[in-house]
Amino acid sequence: MIVPSPYAAQLARLPVSRRSEHLAGGTTELWVYGPPDADTTIILVHGFRGDHHGLEPIVAQLPRYRTILSDLPGFGESTPLTAAHDVDGYSDWLLELVARVRRPGRTVVLGHSFGSIIVAAAVAKGLRADDIVLVNPIAAPALSGPRGILTRLAVFYYWASAKLPERLGFALVKTPIVTRIMSVTMAKTRSTTLRRWIHNQHDLYFGAFSNRDVVLDAFRASISHDVSEYAHEFHTRTLLIAADRDDITPVEAQNELQQKIADSRLVMLSGVGHLVHYEMPDRAADAIASFLDEKPRADREPSGA
């Protein structure tokens, strides 16, 4: 069963094309939305166990930009990397992706959740971008978050999946009940209609990964690193969009991250948690558009140039 998206009508108004790119030894599936002649291109990187569908609600709110969504290698319809599915492997892939799709004009790179770590690691490697946007950034180690006990339970869950024989372990990491527990925990909205749609999105797409090794490697990467590790490498104008009820990163850590990134600003959304992209994509998009409408410093050039 597919629950209708509250953002479907807006998304349907955007022109969209799909293409495949051979990157980092695998095939990455891309969806390109918006006016082809737009001066600004926004490249979006989704989080752990998701695929491109998760960030479509934000894309739907940004009709005047050319936006590019992909499925991370090993997730959705993209094939795995030939390298390990860790932060180093994914950041190298992102460098290739940006180099492949960038064109004259402004290039913005956006990462959500685990995607924020991938983007930050790529920045440290010289990612060429005019602006960086991090939504629900992992600003501190996940195990130290407001619900660190849930992260520890997740560690045990994936550890058990790794210890089982391949077939049983793969079945365990795709168990629907675990996906539902995660979804119920993270959703903060009081709207029963919106909650129903969020749970359906997780049911549909959180089991879409190539094999057990991909999801286990990516999980280990997601809890072993955070954006603050790379903060001193940021020389690009950066927007942080955080949430006051995020179960993974507390408000204090987001404020500390903003202080560590030289040319950055922080927008804190109230009444929402780690699912800003589902629950408040309009507020996130408004913050992004306002940020991009600001006049950049005249002496600034793209990071990595």
C-alpha atoms as a PDB file:
ATOM      1  CA  MET A   1       0.000   0.000   0.000  1.00  0.00           C
ATOM      2  CA  ILE A   2       1.269   3.488  -0.891  1.00  0.00           C
ATOM      3  CA  VAL A   3       0.040   6.414   1.196  1.00  0.00           C
ATOM      4  CA  PRO A   4      -0.295   9.586  -0.929  1.00  0.00           C
ATOM      5  CA  SER A   5       2.431  12.155  -0.341  1.00  0.00           C
ATOM      6  CA  PRO A   6       1.316  15.558   0.969  1.00  0.00           C
ATOM      7  CA  TYR A   7       3.982  17.031  -1.309  1.00  0.00           C
ATOM      8  CA  ALA A   8       3.097  15.102  -4.478  1.00  0.00           C
ATOM      9  CA  ALA A   9       1.311  17.952  -6.258  1.00  0.00           C
ATOM     10  CA  GLN A  10       4.259  20.323  -5.800  1.00  0.00           C
ATOM     11  CA  LEU A  11       6.753  17.705  -6.954  1.00  0.00           C
ATOM     12  CA  ALA A  12       4.641  16.826  -9.990  1.00  0.00           C
ATOM     13  CA  ARG A  13       4.880  20.419 -11.222  1.00  0.00           C
ATOM     14  CA  LEU A  14       8.659  20.137 -11.583  1.00  0.00           C
ATOM     15  CA  PRO A  15      10.271  18.855 -14.771  1.00  0.00           C
ATOM     16  CA  VAL A  16      12.293  15.735 -13.980  1.00  0.00           C
ATOM     17  CA  SER A  17      14.694  13.514 -15.868  1.00  0.00           C
ATOM     18  CA  ARG A  18      16.565  10.394 -14.850  1.00  0.00           C
ATOM     19  CA  ARG A  19      20.017   9.226 -15.804  1.00  0.00           C
ATOM     20  CA  SER A  20      22.701   6.765 -14.775  1.00  0.00           C
ATOM     21  CA  GLU A  21      26.329   7.648 -14.119  1.00  0.00           C
ATOM     22  CA  HIS A  22      29.283   5.291 -13.688  1.00  0.00           C
ATOM     23  CA  LEU A  23      30.984   6.545 -10.535  1.00  0.00           C
ATOM     24  CA  ALA A  24      33.475   4.991  -8.106  1.00  0.00           C
ATOM     25  CA  GLY A  25      33.241   1.619  -9.830  1.00  0.00           C
ATOM     26  CA  GLY A  26      29.447   1.381  -9.691  1.00  0.00           C
ATOM     27  CA  THR A  27      26.337   2.799 -11.290  1.00  0.00           C
ATOM     28  CA  THR A  28      24.668   5.732  -9.556  1.00  0.00           C
ATOM     29  CA  GLU A  29      21.057   6.558 -10.391  1.00  0.00           C
ATOM     30  CA  LEU A  30      20.288  10.285 -10.594  1.00  0.00           C
ATOM     31  CA  TRP A  31      17.066  12.292 -10.757  1.00  0.00           C
ATOM     32  CA  VAL A  32      17.342  15.881 -11.996  1.00  0.00           C
ATOM     33  CA  TYR A  33      14.487  18.253 -11.124  1.00  0.00           C
ATOM     34  CA  GLY A  34      13.631  21.835 -11.918  1.00  0.00           C
ATOM     35  CA  PRO A  35      14.407  24.247 -14.763  1.00  0.00           C
ATOM     36  CA  PRO A  36      17.359  22.951 -16.842  1.00  0.00           C
ATOM     37  CA  ASP A  37      18.617  26.494 -17.387  1.00  0.00           C
ATOM     38  CA  ALA A  38      18.676  27.483 -13.703  1.00  0.00           C
ATOM     39  CA  ASP A  39      21.844  29.306 -12.614  1.00  0.00           C
ATOM     40  CA  THR A  40      22.022  27.361  -9.340  1.00  0.00           C
ATOM     41  CA  THR A  41      22.406  23.600  -9.024  1.00  0.00           C
ATOM     42  CA  ILE A  42      21.766  21.932  -5.648  1.00  0.00           C
ATOM     43  CA  ILE A  43      23.171  18.411  -5.222  1.00  0.00           C
ATOM     44  CA  LEU A  44      21.487  16.561  -2.331  1.00  0.00           C
ATOM     45  CA  VAL A  45      22.886  13.601  -0.373  1.00  0.00           C
ATOM     46  CA  HIS A  46      20.423  11.528   1.667  1.00  0.00           C
ATOM     47  CA  GLY A  47      20.945   9.739   4.977  1.00  0.00           C
ATOM     48  CA  PHE A  48      21.503   6.184   6.177  1.00  0.00           C
ATOM     49  CA  ARG A  49      19.184   3.491   4.800  1.00  0.00           C
ATOM     50  CA  GLY A  50      17.158   5.973   2.799  1.00  0.00           C
ATOM     51  CA  ASP A  51      17.127   6.681  -0.903  1.00  0.00           C
ATOM     52  CA  HIS A  52      16.355   9.706  -3.085  1.00  0.00           C
ATOM     53  CA  HIS A  53      12.645   9.675  -2.159  1.00  0.00           C
ATOM     54  CA  GLY A  54      13.439  10.983   1.328  1.00  0.00           C
ATOM     55  CA  LEU A  55      14.639  14.392   0.131  1.00  0.00           C
ATOM     56  CA  GLU A  56      11.979  14.853  -2.559  1.00  0.00           C
ATOM     57  CA  PRO A  57       9.760  16.899  -0.170  1.00  0.00           C
ATOM     58  CA  ILE A  58      12.533  19.513   0.133  1.00  0.00           C
ATOM     59  CA  VAL A  59      13.135  19.466  -3.638  1.00  0.00           C
ATOM     60  CA  ALA A  60       9.398  20.063  -4.157  1.00  0.00           C
ATOM     61  CA  GLN A  61       9.715  23.350  -2.235  1.00  0.00           C
ATOM     62  CA  LEU A  62      12.646  24.607  -4.355  1.00  0.00           C
ATOM     63  CA  PRO A  63      11.142  24.957  -7.845  1.00  0.00           C
ATOM     64  CA  ARG A  64      13.444  27.724  -9.104  1.00  0.00           C
ATOM     65  CA  TYR A  65      16.630  25.676  -8.717  1.00  0.00           C
ATOM     66  CA  ARG A  66      18.095  22.764 -10.656  1.00  0.00           C
ATOM     67  CA  THR A  67      18.215  20.020  -8.021  1.00  0.00           C
ATOM     68  CA  ILE A  68      19.924  16.647  -8.306  1.00  0.00           C
ATOM     69  CA  LEU A  69      19.033  13.661  -6.136  1.00  0.00           C
ATOM     70  CA  SER A  70      20.770  10.309  -6.221  1.00  0.00           C
ATOM     71  CA  ASP A  71      20.534   7.000  -4.435  1.00  0.00           C
ATOM     72  CA  LEU A  72      23.691   6.476  -2.388  1.00  0.00           C
ATOM     73  CA  PRO A  73      25.786   3.592  -3.761  1.00  0.00           C
ATOM     74  CA  GLY A  74      24.422   0.316  -2.451  1.00  0.00           C
ATOM     75  CA  PHE A  75      21.036   1.852  -1.603  1.00  0.00           C
ATOM     76  CA  GLY A  76      17.877   2.295  -3.629  1.00  0.00           C
ATOM     77  CA  GLU A  77      18.644   1.591  -7.270  1.00  0.00           C
ATOM     78  CA  SER A  78      22.361   2.460  -7.228  1.00  0.00           C
ATOM     79  CA  THR A  79      24.853  -0.393  -7.283  1.00  0.00           C
ATOM     80  CA  PRO A  80      27.514  -0.760  -4.569  1.00  0.00           C
ATOM     81  CA  LEU A  81      30.934   0.859  -4.605  1.00  0.00           C
ATOM     82  CA  THR A  82      34.004  -1.170  -5.427  1.00  0.00           C
ATOM     83  CA  ALA A  83      35.568   0.432  -2.331  1.00  0.00           C
ATOM     84  CA  ALA A  84      34.303   0.039   1.223  1.00  0.00           C
ATOM     85  CA  HIS A  85      30.983   1.683   2.081  1.00  0.00           C
ATOM     86  CA  ASP A  86      32.535   3.921   4.693  1.00  0.00           C
ATOM     87  CA  VAL A  87      32.944   7.682   4.992  1.00  0.00           C
ATOM     88  CA  ASP A  88      36.113   7.621   2.911  1.00  0.00           C
ATOM     89  CA  GLY A  89      34.467   5.610   0.125  1.00  0.00           C
ATOM     90  CA  TYR A  90      31.303   7.692   0.067  1.00  0.00           C
ATOM     91  CA  SER A  91      33.152  11.027   0.173  1.00  0.00           C
ATOM     92  CA  ASP A  92      35.329   9.969  -2.770  1.00  0.00           C
ATOM     93  CA  TRP A  93      32.143   9.032  -4.620  1.00  0.00           C
ATOM     94  CA  LEU A  94      30.633  12.452  -3.863  1.00  0.00           C
ATOM     95  CA  LEU A  95      33.705  14.234  -5.216  1.00  0.00           C
ATOM     96  CA  GLU A  96      33.258  12.304  -8.467  1.00  0.00           C
ATOM     97  CA  LEU A  97      29.535  13.016  -8.565  1.00  0.00           C
ATOM     98  CA  VAL A  98      29.923  16.765  -8.096  1.00  0.00           C
ATOM     99  CA  ALA A  99      32.677  16.931 -10.710  1.00  0.00           C
ATOM    100  CA  ARG A 100      30.452  15.025 -13.147  1.00  0.00           C
ATOM    101  CA  VAL A 101      27.254  17.085 -12.779  1.00  0.00           C
ATOM    102  CA  ARG A 102      28.562  20.571 -12.003  1.00  0.00           C
ATOM    103  CA  ARG A 103      28.360  23.211 -14.725  1.00  0.00           C
ATOM    104  CA  PRO A 104      28.893  26.982 -15.021  1.00  0.00           C
ATOM    105  CA  GLY A 105      26.931  28.797 -12.360  1.00  0.00           C
ATOM    106  CA  ARG A 106      26.478  28.251  -8.659  1.00  0.00           C
ATOM    107  CA  THR A 107      26.957  24.799  -7.116  1.00  0.00           C
ATOM    108  CA  VAL A 108      25.413  23.995  -3.726  1.00  0.00           C
ATOM    109  CA  VAL A 109      25.879  20.661  -1.941  1.00  0.00           C
ATOM    110  CA  LEU A 110      23.345  19.578   0.696  1.00  0.00           C
ATOM    111  CA  GLY A 111      23.630  16.632   3.066  1.00  0.00           C
ATOM    112  CA  HIS A 112      21.010  15.256   5.435  1.00  0.00           C
ATOM    113  CA  SER A 113      21.917  13.209   8.549  1.00  0.00           C
ATOM    114  CA  PHE A 114      24.556  10.618   7.485  1.00  0.00           C
ATOM    115  CA  GLY A 115      24.724  12.629   4.272  1.00  0.00           C
ATOM    116  CA  SER A 116      25.996  15.570   6.335  1.00  0.00           C
ATOM    117  CA  ILE A 117      29.006  13.491   7.395  1.00  0.00           C
ATOM    118  CA  ILE A 118      29.681  12.450   3.784  1.00  0.00           C
ATOM    119  CA  VAL A 119      29.522  16.076   2.638  1.00  0.00           C
ATOM    120  CA  ALA A 120      31.780  17.237   5.486  1.00  0.00           C
ATOM    121  CA  ALA A 121      34.369  14.563   4.682  1.00  0.00           C
ATOM    122  CA  ALA A 122      34.267  15.599   1.024  1.00  0.00           C
ATOM    123  CA  VAL A 123      34.764  19.249   2.031  1.00  0.00           C
ATOM    124  CA  ALA A 124      37.906  18.169   3.900  1.00  0.00           C
ATOM    125  CA  LYS A 125      39.114  16.567   0.654  1.00  0.00           C
ATOM    126  CA  GLY A 126      38.602  19.748  -1.377  1.00  0.00           C
ATOM    127  CA  LEU A 127      34.981  19.524  -2.541  1.00  0.00           C
ATOM    128  CA  ARG A 128      34.322  22.311  -5.049  1.00  0.00           C
ATOM    129  CA  ALA A 129      31.124  24.048  -4.028  1.00  0.00           C
ATOM    130  CA  ASP A 130      29.956  27.624  -3.635  1.00  0.00           C
ATOM    131  CA  ASP A 131      27.754  26.865  -0.627  1.00  0.00           C
ATOM    132  CA  ILE A 132      27.150  23.969   1.765  1.00  0.00           C
ATOM    133  CA  VAL A 133      23.827  23.129   3.459  1.00  0.00           C
ATOM    134  CA  LEU A 134      23.605  20.517   6.235  1.00  0.00           C
ATOM    135  CA  VAL A 135      20.136  19.415   7.389  1.00  0.00           C
ATOM    136  CA  ASN A 136      19.914  17.584  10.731  1.00  0.00           C
ATOM    137  CA  PRO A 137      23.725  17.487  10.785  1.00  0.00           C
ATOM    138  CA  ILE A 138      25.360  14.844  12.937  1.00  0.00           C
ATOM    139  CA  ALA A 139      27.209  17.431  14.985  1.00  0.00           C
ATOM    140  CA  ALA A 140      28.523  15.080  17.683  1.00  0.00           C
ATOM    141  CA  PRO A 141      29.035  11.311  18.102  1.00  0.00           C
ATOM    142  CA  ALA A 142      25.687   9.537  17.765  1.00  0.00           C
ATOM    143  CA  LEU A 143      26.300   7.508  20.927  1.00  0.00           C
ATOM    144  CA  SER A 144      26.347  10.729  22.970  1.00  0.00           C
ATOM    145  CA  GLY A 145      23.009  11.991  21.642  1.00  0.00           C
ATOM    146  CA  PRO A 146      19.805  12.576  23.662  1.00  0.00           C
ATOM    147  CA  ARG A 147      18.761   8.975  23.027  1.00  0.00           C
ATOM    148  CA  GLY A 148      22.161   7.319  23.078  1.00  0.00           C
ATOM    149  CA  ILE A 149      20.557   4.190  24.539  1.00  0.00           C
ATOM    150  CA  LEU A 150      18.616   3.712  21.291  1.00  0.00           C
ATOM    151  CA  THR A 151      21.838   4.040  19.321  1.00  0.00           C
ATOM    152  CA  ARG A 152      23.408   1.379  21.527  1.00  0.00           C
ATOM    153  CA  LEU A 153      20.445  -0.903  20.877  1.00  0.00           C
ATOM    154  CA  ALA A 154      20.930  -0.279  17.170  1.00  0.00           C
ATOM    155  CA  VAL A 155      24.607  -1.219  17.531  1.00  0.00           C
ATOM    156  CA  PHE A 156      23.567  -4.529  19.104  1.00  0.00           C
ATOM    157  CA  TYR A 157      20.959  -5.089  16.371  1.00  0.00           C
ATOM    158  CA  TYR A 158      23.470  -4.640  13.553  1.00  0.00           C
ATOM    159  CA  TRP A 159      26.104  -6.632  15.460  1.00  0.00           C
ATOM    160  CA  ALA A 160      23.646  -9.543  15.720  1.00  0.00           C
ATOM    161  CA  SER A 161      22.865  -9.229  12.015  1.00  0.00           C
ATOM    162  CA  ALA A 162      26.573  -9.485  11.236  1.00  0.00           C
ATOM    163  CA  LYS A 163      27.049 -12.588  13.400  1.00  0.00           C
ATOM    164  CA  LEU A 164      24.241 -14.568  11.788  1.00  0.00           C
ATOM    165  CA  PRO A 165      24.643 -16.530   8.564  1.00  0.00           C
ATOM    166  CA  GLU A 166      24.292 -14.301   5.491  1.00  0.00           C
ATOM    167  CA  ARG A 167      20.711 -15.232   4.681  1.00  0.00           C
ATOM    168  CA  LEU A 168      19.418 -14.859   8.245  1.00  0.00           C
ATOM    169  CA  GLY A 169      21.437 -11.698   8.859  1.00  0.00           C
ATOM    170  CA  PHE A 170      20.097 -10.077   5.709  1.00  0.00           C
ATOM    171  CA  ALA A 171      16.548 -10.935   6.752  1.00  0.00           C
ATOM    172  CA  LEU A 172      17.141  -9.442  10.213  1.00  0.00           C
ATOM    173  CA  VAL A 173      18.357  -6.061   8.917  1.00  0.00           C
ATOM    174  CA  LYS A 174      15.231  -5.866   6.743  1.00  0.00           C
ATOM    175  CA  THR A 175      12.822  -6.704   9.585  1.00  0.00           C
ATOM    176  CA  PRO A 176       9.792  -4.373   9.239  1.00  0.00           C
ATOM    177  CA  ILE A 177       9.134  -4.134  12.976  1.00  0.00           C
ATOM    178  CA  VAL A 178      12.556  -2.530  13.578  1.00  0.00           C
ATOM    179  CA  THR A 179      11.899   0.003  10.836  1.00  0.00           C
ATOM    180  CA  ARG A 180       8.542   0.841  12.398  1.00  0.00           C
ATOM    181  CA  ILE A 181      10.026   1.303  15.892  1.00  0.00           C
ATOM    182  CA  MET A 182      12.584   3.713  14.438  1.00  0.00           C
ATOM    183  CA  SER A 183       9.915   5.593  12.516  1.00  0.00           C
ATOM    184  CA  VAL A 184       7.578   5.939  15.499  1.00  0.00           C
ATOM    185  CA  THR A 185      10.451   7.143  17.697  1.00  0.00           C
ATOM    186  CA  MET A 186      11.718   9.795  15.299  1.00  0.00           C
ATOM    187  CA  ALA A 187       8.413  11.245  14.074  1.00  0.00           C
ATOM    188  CA  LYS A 188       7.364  14.209  16.235  1.00  0.00           C
ATOM    189  CA  THR A 189       4.358  15.540  14.326  1.00  0.00           C
ATOM    190  CA  ARG A 190       0.920  15.260  15.937  1.00  0.00           C
ATOM    191  CA  SER A 191      -0.745  14.914  12.545  1.00  0.00           C
ATOM    192  CA  THR A 192      -1.967  11.335  12.179  1.00  0.00           C
ATOM    193  CA  THR A 193      -2.098  11.770   8.398  1.00  0.00           C
ATOM    194  CA  LEU A 194       1.501  12.914   8.198  1.00  0.00           C
ATOM    195  CA  ARG A 195       2.693  10.214  10.604  1.00  0.00           C
ATOM    196  CA  ARG A 196       0.951   7.563   8.510  1.00  0.00           C
ATOM    197  CA  TRP A 197       2.725   8.808   5.395  1.00  0.00           C
ATOM    198  CA  ILE A 198       6.126   8.943   7.153  1.00  0.00           C
ATOM    199  CA  HIS A 199       5.766   5.357   8.376  1.00  0.00           C
ATOM    200  CA  ASN A 200       4.770   4.268   4.880  1.00  0.00           C
ATOM    201  CA  GLN A 201       7.846   5.957   3.387  1.00  0.00           C
ATOM    202  CA  HIS A 202      10.079   4.087   5.794  1.00  0.00           C
ATOM    203  CA  ASP A 203       8.272   0.815   5.096  1.00  0.00           C
ATOM    204  CA  LEU A 204       8.727   1.290   1.353  1.00  0.00           C
ATOM    205  CA  TYR A 205      12.322   2.459   1.156  1.00  0.00           C
ATOM    206  CA  PHE A 206      14.295   1.591   4.298  1.00  0.00           C
ATOM    207  CA  GLY A 207      14.818  -1.990   3.168  1.00  0.00           C
ATOM    208  CA  ALA A 208      16.160  -0.971  -0.248  1.00  0.00           C
ATOM    209  CA  PHE A 209      19.847  -1.834  -0.030  1.00  0.00           C
ATOM    210  CA  SER A 210      21.991  -4.189  -2.077  1.00  0.00           C
ATOM    211  CA  ASN A 211      23.214  -6.611   0.578  1.00  0.00           C
ATOM    212  CA  ARG A 212      23.970  -7.020   4.252  1.00  0.00           C
ATOM    213  CA  ASP A 213      27.594  -5.853   4.004  1.00  0.00           C
ATOM    214  CA  VAL A 214      26.589  -2.518   2.484  1.00  0.00           C
ATOM    215  CA  VAL A 215      24.171  -1.621   5.277  1.00  0.00           C
ATOM    216  CA  LEU A 216      26.490  -2.878   8.039  1.00  0.00           C
ATOM    217  CA  ASP A 217      29.456  -0.896   6.689  1.00  0.00           C
ATOM    218  CA  ALA A 218      27.333   2.235   6.292  1.00  0.00           C
ATOM    219  CA  PHE A 219      25.918   1.896   9.808  1.00  0.00           C
ATOM    220  CA  ARG A 220      29.380   1.589  11.329  1.00  0.00           C
ATOM    221  CA  ALA A 221      30.433   4.676   9.383  1.00  0.00           C
ATOM    222  CA  SER A 222      27.388   6.638  10.538  1.00  0.00           C
ATOM    223  CA  ILE A 223      28.128   6.127  14.243  1.00  0.00           C
ATOM    224  CA  SER A 224      31.930   6.354  14.021  1.00  0.00           C
ATOM    225  CA  HIS A 225      32.149   9.863  12.586  1.00  0.00           C
ATOM    226  CA  ASP A 226      30.456  13.244  12.883  1.00  0.00           C
ATOM    227  CA  VAL A 227      30.624  16.617  11.166  1.00  0.00           C
ATOM    228  CA  SER A 228      32.628  18.264  13.960  1.00  0.00           C
ATOM    229  CA  GLU A 229      35.672  16.154  12.966  1.00  0.00           C
ATOM    230  CA  TYR A 230      35.901  18.124   9.730  1.00  0.00           C
ATOM    231  CA  ALA A 231      34.677  21.546  10.906  1.00  0.00           C
ATOM    232  CA  HIS A 232      38.130  23.157  10.786  1.00  0.00           C
ATOM    233  CA  GLU A 233      38.362  22.227   7.079  1.00  0.00           C
ATOM    234  CA  PHE A 234      35.296  24.275   6.105  1.00  0.00           C
ATOM    235  CA  HIS A 235      36.156  27.386   4.101  1.00  0.00           C
ATOM    236  CA  THR A 236      32.809  27.521   2.296  1.00  0.00           C
ATOM    237  CA  ARG A 237      29.725  29.481   3.323  1.00  0.00           C
ATOM    238  CA  THR A 238      27.600  26.991   5.255  1.00  0.00           C
ATOM    239  CA  LEU A 239      24.005  26.771   6.445  1.00  0.00           C
ATOM    240  CA  LEU A 240      23.100  24.407   9.287  1.00  0.00           C
ATOM    241  CA  ILE A 241      19.417  23.484   9.643  1.00  0.00           C
ATOM    242  CA  ALA A 242      18.860  21.723  12.948  1.00  0.00           C
ATOM    243  CA  ALA A 243      15.878  20.739  15.115  1.00  0.00           C
ATOM    244  CA  ASP A 244      15.219  21.199  18.808  1.00  0.00           C
ATOM    245  CA  ARG A 245      13.769  17.687  19.254  1.00  0.00           C
ATOM    246  CA  ASP A 246      16.415  15.757  17.329  1.00  0.00           C
ATOM    247  CA  ASP A 247      17.019  12.401  19.025  1.00  0.00           C
ATOM    248  CA  ILE A 248      20.515  12.040  17.554  1.00  0.00           C
ATOM    249  CA  THR A 249      22.176  15.433  18.105  1.00  0.00           C
ATOM    250  CA  PRO A 250      21.291  17.842  20.952  1.00  0.00           C
ATOM    251  CA  VAL A 251      20.840  21.577  20.453  1.00  0.00           C
ATOM    252  CA  GLU A 252      24.034  22.312  22.398  1.00  0.00           C
ATOM    253  CA  ALA A 253      26.117  20.279  19.952  1.00  0.00           C
ATOM    254  CA  GLN A 254      24.567  22.102  16.992  1.00  0.00           C
ATOM    255  CA  ASN A 255      25.474  25.452  18.540  1.00  0.00           C
ATOM    256  CA  GLU A 256      29.021  24.242  19.137  1.00  0.00           C
ATOM    257  CA  LEU A 257      29.291  23.055  15.530  1.00  0.00           C
ATOM    258  CA  GLN A 258      28.151  26.437  14.248  1.00  0.00           C
ATOM    259  CA  GLN A 259      30.887  28.081  16.291  1.00  0.00           C
ATOM    260  CA  LYS A 260      33.513  25.742  14.812  1.00  0.00           C
ATOM    261  CA  ILE A 261      32.607  26.392  11.155  1.00  0.00           C
ATOM    262  CA  ALA A 262      33.993  29.815  10.283  1.00  0.00           C
ATOM    263  CA  ASP A 263      31.474  31.210   7.784  1.00  0.00           C
ATOM    264  CA  SER A 264      28.276  29.534   8.964  1.00  0.00           C
ATOM    265  CA  ARG A 265      24.846  30.256  10.301  1.00  0.00           C
ATOM    266  CA  LEU A 266      22.415  28.037  12.211  1.00  0.00           C
ATOM    267  CA  VAL A 267      18.654  27.821  11.770  1.00  0.00           C
ATOM    268  CA  MET A 268      16.966  25.936  14.609  1.00  0.00           C
ATOM    269  CA  LEU A 269      13.489  24.585  13.839  1.00  0.00           C
ATOM    270  CA  SER A 270      11.108  24.085  16.760  1.00  0.00           C
ATOM    271  CA  GLY A 271       8.813  21.138  17.376  1.00  0.00           C
ATOM    272  CA  VAL A 272      10.529  18.749  14.981  1.00  0.00           C
ATOM    273  CA  GLY A 273      13.217  16.100  15.311  1.00  0.00           C
ATOM    274  CA  HIS A 274      15.470  14.208  12.910  1.00  0.00           C
ATOM    275  CA  LEU A 275      12.830  14.092  10.162  1.00  0.00           C
ATOM    276  CA  VAL A 276      12.904  17.738   9.086  1.00  0.00           C
ATOM    277  CA  HIS A 277      12.775  16.580   5.456  1.00  0.00           C
ATOM    278  CA  TYR A 278       9.413  14.879   6.065  1.00  0.00           C
ATOM    279  CA  GLU A 279       7.787  17.097   8.666  1.00  0.00           C
ATOM    280  CA  MET A 280       8.982  20.620   7.816  1.00  0.00           C
ATOM    281  CA  PRO A 281      10.413  20.608   4.282  1.00  0.00           C
ATOM    282  CA  ASP A 282       8.801  23.990   3.612  1.00  0.00           C
ATOM    283  CA  ARG A 283      10.583  25.573   6.589  1.00  0.00           C
ATOM    284  CA  ALA A 284      13.875  23.977   5.539  1.00  0.00           C
ATOM    285  CA  ALA A 285      13.415  25.167   1.952  1.00  0.00           C
ATOM    286  CA  ASP A 286      12.601  28.708   3.108  1.00  0.00           C
ATOM    287  CA  ALA A 287      15.839  28.752   5.100  1.00  0.00           C
ATOM    288  CA  ILE A 288      17.796  27.449   2.104  1.00  0.00           C
ATOM    289  CA  ALA A 289      16.285  29.986  -0.297  1.00  0.00           C
ATOM    290  CA  SER A 290      16.929  32.880   2.107  1.00  0.00           C
ATOM    291  CA  PHE A 291      20.508  31.705   2.573  1.00  0.00           C
ATOM    292  CA  LEU A 292      21.104  31.456  -1.173  1.00  0.00           C
ATOM    293  CA  ASP A 293      19.501  34.860  -1.768  1.00  0.00           C
ATOM    294  CA  GLU A 294      22.041  36.517   0.512  1.00  0.00           C
ATOM    295  CA  LYS A 295      24.836  38.231  -1.352  1.00  0.00           C
ATOM    296  CA  PRO A 296      28.066  36.213  -0.956  1.00  0.00           C
ATOM    297  CA  ARG A 297      31.330  37.911  -0.108  1.00  0.00           C
ATOM    298  CA  ALA A 298      32.973  39.274  -3.230  1.00  0.00           C
ATOM    299  CA  ASP A 299      36.361  37.791  -2.302  1.00  0.00           C
ATOM    300  CA  ARG A 300      35.033  34.237  -1.900  1.00  0.00           C
ATOM    301  CA  GLU A 301      35.624  31.493  -4.449  1.00  0.00           C
ATOM    302  CA  PRO A 302      34.375  27.883  -4.460  1.00  0.00           C
ATOM    303  CA  SER A 303      36.022  25.639  -1.883  1.00  0.00           C
ATOM    304  CA  GLY A 304      38.625  23.444  -3.538  1.00  0.00           C
ATOM    305  CA  ALA A 305      39.108  25.842  -6.451  1.00  0.00           C
END
